[in-house]
Protein backbone atom coordinates (compact mmCIF):
# COMPACT_ATOMS: atom_id res chain seq x y z
CA UNK A 1 0.55 12.58 -19.54
CA UNK A 2 4.06 12.59 -18.14
CA UNK A 3 5.05 13.67 -14.64
CA UNK A 4 7.97 16.06 -14.31
CA UNK A 5 10.64 15.78 -11.65
CA UNK A 6 9.64 19.21 -10.39
CA UNK A 7 6.02 18.13 -9.96
CA UNK A 8 7.08 15.00 -8.08
CA UNK A 9 9.34 17.03 -5.80
CA UNK A 10 6.53 19.44 -5.01
CA UNK A 11 4.20 16.56 -4.18
CA UNK A 12 6.75 14.59 -2.15
CA UNK A 13 9.38 17.08 -0.94
CA UNK A 14 11.01 14.65 1.49
CA UNK A 15 11.61 11.93 -1.10
CA UNK A 16 15.32 11.47 -1.84
CA UNK A 17 15.01 9.74 -5.23
CA UNK A 18 12.64 11.81 -7.38
CA UNK A 19 14.43 11.19 -10.68
CA UNK A 20 14.28 7.41 -10.36
CA UNK A 21 10.63 7.44 -9.27
CA UNK A 22 9.58 9.74 -12.10
CA UNK A 23 11.32 7.52 -14.65
CA UNK A 24 9.50 4.45 -13.33
CA UNK A 25 6.14 6.20 -13.13
CA UNK A 26 6.36 7.65 -16.63
CA UNK A 27 7.29 4.25 -18.07
CA UNK A 28 4.72 2.09 -16.28
CA UNK A 29 1.62 4.21 -15.56
CA UNK A 30 0.65 4.59 -19.25
CA UNK A 31 0.79 0.80 -19.72
CA UNK A 32 -2.14 0.55 -17.30
CA UNK A 33 -4.16 3.41 -18.73
CA UNK A 34 -3.17 5.76 -15.90
CA UNK A 35 -2.47 8.46 -18.42
CA UNK A 36 -4.82 11.38 -17.73
CA UNK A 37 -4.38 14.11 -15.12
CA UNK A 38 -7.33 12.83 -13.07
CA UNK A 39 -6.03 9.26 -13.02
CA UNK A 40 -2.44 10.26 -12.29
CA UNK A 41 -3.53 12.62 -9.52
CA UNK A 42 -5.59 9.90 -7.85
CA UNK A 43 -2.81 7.32 -8.19
CA UNK A 44 -0.17 9.64 -6.75
CA UNK A 45 -2.43 10.72 -3.88
CA UNK A 46 -3.22 7.15 -2.87
CA UNK A 47 0.31 5.83 -3.35
CA UNK A 48 1.72 8.87 -1.58
CA UNK A 49 -0.43 8.21 1.46
CA UNK A 50 0.20 4.47 1.58
CA UNK A 51 3.98 4.78 1.17
CA UNK A 52 4.60 8.09 2.96
CA UNK A 53 5.58 9.81 -0.26
CA UNK A 54 7.15 6.78 -1.96
CA UNK A 55 9.55 6.39 0.97
CA UNK A 56 8.30 3.23 2.72
CA UNK A 57 8.12 0.16 0.49
CA UNK A 58 7.76 -2.48 3.20
CA UNK A 59 4.98 -2.70 5.74
CA UNK A 60 5.87 -1.41 9.20
CA UNK A 61 4.45 -3.85 11.74
CA UNK A 62 6.22 -2.60 14.84
CA UNK A 63 2.98 -2.21 16.77
CA UNK A 64 2.72 -1.72 20.49
CA UNK A 65 0.16 -3.78 22.39
CA UNK A 66 -2.11 -0.73 22.46
CA UNK A 67 -1.66 -0.25 18.73
CA UNK A 68 -2.56 -3.87 18.06
CA UNK A 69 -5.72 -3.56 20.15
CA UNK A 70 -6.79 -0.43 18.26
CA UNK A 71 -5.92 -1.74 14.81
CA UNK A 72 -7.27 -5.29 15.11
CA UNK A 73 -9.62 -5.19 18.11
CA UNK A 74 -11.27 -8.50 17.27
CA UNK A 75 -7.93 -10.22 17.61
CA UNK A 76 -6.04 -8.22 20.18
CA UNK A 77 -8.48 -6.34 22.44
CA UNK A 78 -10.02 -7.68 25.64
CA UNK A 79 -13.38 -6.26 24.55
CA UNK A 80 -13.48 -5.40 20.82
CA UNK A 81 -16.65 -3.34 21.27
CA UNK A 82 -15.37 -1.17 24.11
CA UNK A 83 -14.77 2.50 23.39
CA UNK A 84 -11.25 2.22 24.80
CA UNK A 85 -9.48 -0.83 23.43
CA UNK A 86 -7.53 -2.65 26.15
CA UNK A 87 -4.84 -5.08 24.86
CA UNK A 88 -5.38 -8.75 25.61
CA UNK A 89 -2.64 -11.19 26.63
CA UNK A 90 -1.80 -12.04 23.02
CA UNK A 91 -1.26 -8.37 22.18
CA UNK A 92 1.21 -8.05 25.05
CA UNK A 93 3.02 -11.18 23.89
CA UNK A 94 3.45 -9.62 20.43
CA UNK A 95 4.28 -6.11 21.66
CA UNK A 96 6.90 -4.50 19.34
CA UNK A 97 7.77 -7.80 17.61
CA UNK A 98 7.15 -7.08 13.90
CA UNK A 99 7.94 -10.56 12.56
CA UNK A 100 5.83 -12.30 15.19
CA UNK A 101 2.99 -9.84 14.59
CA UNK A 102 3.03 -10.47 10.83
CA UNK A 103 3.09 -14.23 11.26
CA UNK A 104 0.22 -14.11 13.73
CA UNK A 105 -2.15 -11.61 12.13
CA UNK A 106 -1.63 -12.80 8.54
CA UNK A 107 -1.67 -16.57 9.25
CA UNK A 108 -4.12 -18.66 7.20
CA UNK A 109 -5.22 -15.62 5.21
CA UNK A 110 -4.65 -14.36 1.66
CA UNK A 111 -3.12 -17.68 0.65
CA UNK A 112 -0.68 -17.76 3.57
CA UNK A 113 0.07 -20.87 5.57
CA UNK A 114 -0.17 -21.21 9.35
CA UNK A 115 1.71 -19.00 11.79
CA UNK A 116 4.63 -21.43 11.89
CA UNK A 117 5.14 -21.18 8.11
CA UNK A 118 6.51 -17.64 8.34
CA UNK A 119 4.37 -16.62 5.35
CA UNK A 120 2.93 -13.67 7.25
CA UNK A 121 6.34 -12.02 7.52
CA UNK A 122 7.60 -13.09 4.10
CA UNK A 123 4.46 -11.84 2.38
CA UNK A 124 3.85 -8.69 4.42
CA UNK A 125 3.01 -5.56 2.48
CA UNK A 126 5.49 -4.54 -0.23
CA UNK A 127 5.32 -1.64 -2.65
CA UNK A 128 3.37 1.65 -2.65
CA UNK A 129 0.03 -0.14 -2.13
CA UNK A 130 1.45 -2.69 0.32
CA UNK A 131 0.83 -5.83 -1.77
CA UNK A 132 0.18 -8.41 0.96
CA UNK A 133 -0.26 -12.18 1.14
CA UNK A 134 1.06 -15.17 -0.79
CA UNK A 135 -1.95 -15.26 -3.12
CA UNK A 136 -1.48 -11.63 -4.23
CA UNK A 137 2.27 -12.06 -4.61
CA UNK A 138 1.87 -15.21 -6.68
CA UNK A 139 -0.76 -13.58 -8.88
CA UNK A 140 1.49 -10.56 -9.45
CA UNK A 141 4.48 -12.77 -10.22
CA UNK A 142 2.44 -14.76 -12.75
CA UNK A 143 1.21 -11.57 -14.44
CA UNK A 144 4.70 -10.16 -14.92
CA UNK A 145 6.13 -13.56 -15.90
CA UNK A 146 8.68 -13.84 -13.11
CA UNK A 147 9.26 -16.62 -10.55
CA UNK A 148 7.93 -15.73 -7.11
CA UNK A 149 11.42 -15.41 -5.62
CA UNK A 150 12.55 -13.08 -8.40
CA UNK A 151 9.41 -10.98 -8.13
CA UNK A 152 10.06 -10.41 -4.42
CA UNK A 153 13.38 -8.73 -5.21
CA UNK A 154 11.82 -6.86 -8.13
CA UNK A 155 9.13 -5.42 -5.82
CA UNK A 156 11.81 -3.50 -3.94
CA UNK A 157 13.02 -1.67 -7.07
CA UNK A 158 11.43 1.54 -8.31
CA UNK A 159 10.03 -0.18 -11.40
CA UNK A 160 8.77 -3.21 -9.51
CA UNK A 161 7.16 -1.12 -6.81
CA UNK A 162 5.29 1.01 -9.35
CA UNK A 163 4.32 -2.04 -11.42
CA UNK A 164 2.91 -3.81 -8.35
CA UNK A 165 0.78 -0.76 -7.52
CA UNK A 166 -0.40 -0.52 -11.13
CA UNK A 167 -1.24 -4.23 -11.14
CA UNK A 168 -3.32 -3.79 -8.01
CA UNK A 169 -4.98 -0.71 -9.48
CA UNK A 170 -5.85 -2.47 -12.74
CA UNK A 171 -7.17 -5.66 -11.11
CA UNK A 172 -9.56 -3.50 -9.05
CA UNK A 173 -10.58 -1.46 -12.12
CA UNK A 174 -9.88 1.85 -10.42
CA UNK A 175 -9.53 4.04 -13.51
CA UNK A 176 -13.30 4.72 -13.77
CA UNK A 177 -13.39 5.73 -10.09
CA UNK A 178 -10.42 8.02 -10.68
CA UNK A 179 -12.19 9.55 -13.68
CA UNK A 180 -15.09 10.38 -11.35
CA UNK A 181 -12.75 11.85 -8.72
CA UNK A 182 -14.16 9.42 -6.16
CA UNK A 183 -11.48 9.47 -3.45
CA UNK A 184 -13.68 7.59 -0.99
CA UNK A 185 -14.37 4.65 -3.30
CA UNK A 186 -10.72 4.35 -4.39
CA UNK A 187 -9.64 4.48 -0.75
CA UNK A 188 -12.01 1.65 0.16
CA UNK A 189 -10.70 -0.45 -2.73
CA UNK A 190 -7.09 0.02 -1.67
CA UNK A 191 -7.42 0.10 2.11
CA UNK A 192 -10.55 -2.02 2.65
CA UNK A 193 -11.68 0.86 4.87
CA UNK A 194 -11.31 4.61 5.15
CA UNK A 195 -8.05 4.87 7.08
CA UNK A 196 -6.26 8.13 6.31
CA UNK A 197 -9.11 9.46 4.19
CA UNK A 198 -8.49 13.10 5.11
CA UNK A 199 -4.81 12.86 4.13
CA UNK A 200 -5.69 11.11 0.87
CA UNK A 201 -8.19 13.86 0.03
CA UNK A 202 -5.65 16.56 0.82
CA UNK A 203 -2.99 14.85 -1.30
CA UNK A 204 -5.47 14.49 -4.16
CA UNK A 205 -6.39 18.19 -4.05
CA UNK A 206 -2.70 19.10 -4.04
CA UNK A 207 -1.97 16.75 -6.94
CA UNK A 208 -4.78 18.26 -9.00
CA UNK A 209 -3.32 21.70 -8.40
CA UNK A 210 0.26 20.73 -9.17
CA UNK A 211 -0.71 18.75 -12.26
CA UNK A 212 -2.76 21.78 -13.37
CA UNK A 213 -6.01 19.87 -13.74
């Protein structure tokens, strides 16, 4: 199925580039089997939540110390098990420093090098599903046949952003879960948790209605 510009506008009324996004979606989604109303609705709901309606294509890491303690309590809270998460000294050191936060929290993970390498910041989340980490970026670049440096620029285009999300979707085999309407399972596959589940469910219900499922 194809998405119309009117449908996209109704789903994401604050987006300023609906024509370009619809062109990219209609070109790339079918190549990954995201071609039924149920699959498209699930994809748009999840991507819409993760990217604030296809508006934010780079990960926002401008956390306060309190935000760091709540988001990553094992790293940045004095007592990770406490009901109220109190920031530790490291959290205060990183307070509102996005690049330093990325380099610290993503160091030695997902194929990244140590904190001093700068990989955390370079390979922070890009695209509608926030493709994160050197290993993911290299795998995506290899799949689309582009050098890593070229793929990084491509990720910030409409086509590259959609293709990165479709790549992630396909490598996690999410079409069967979309066929079953399983918002919870798709959310866990994309988010590694249930963050924003209520918003994802609401977006999915709205997408089903607008796509006339």
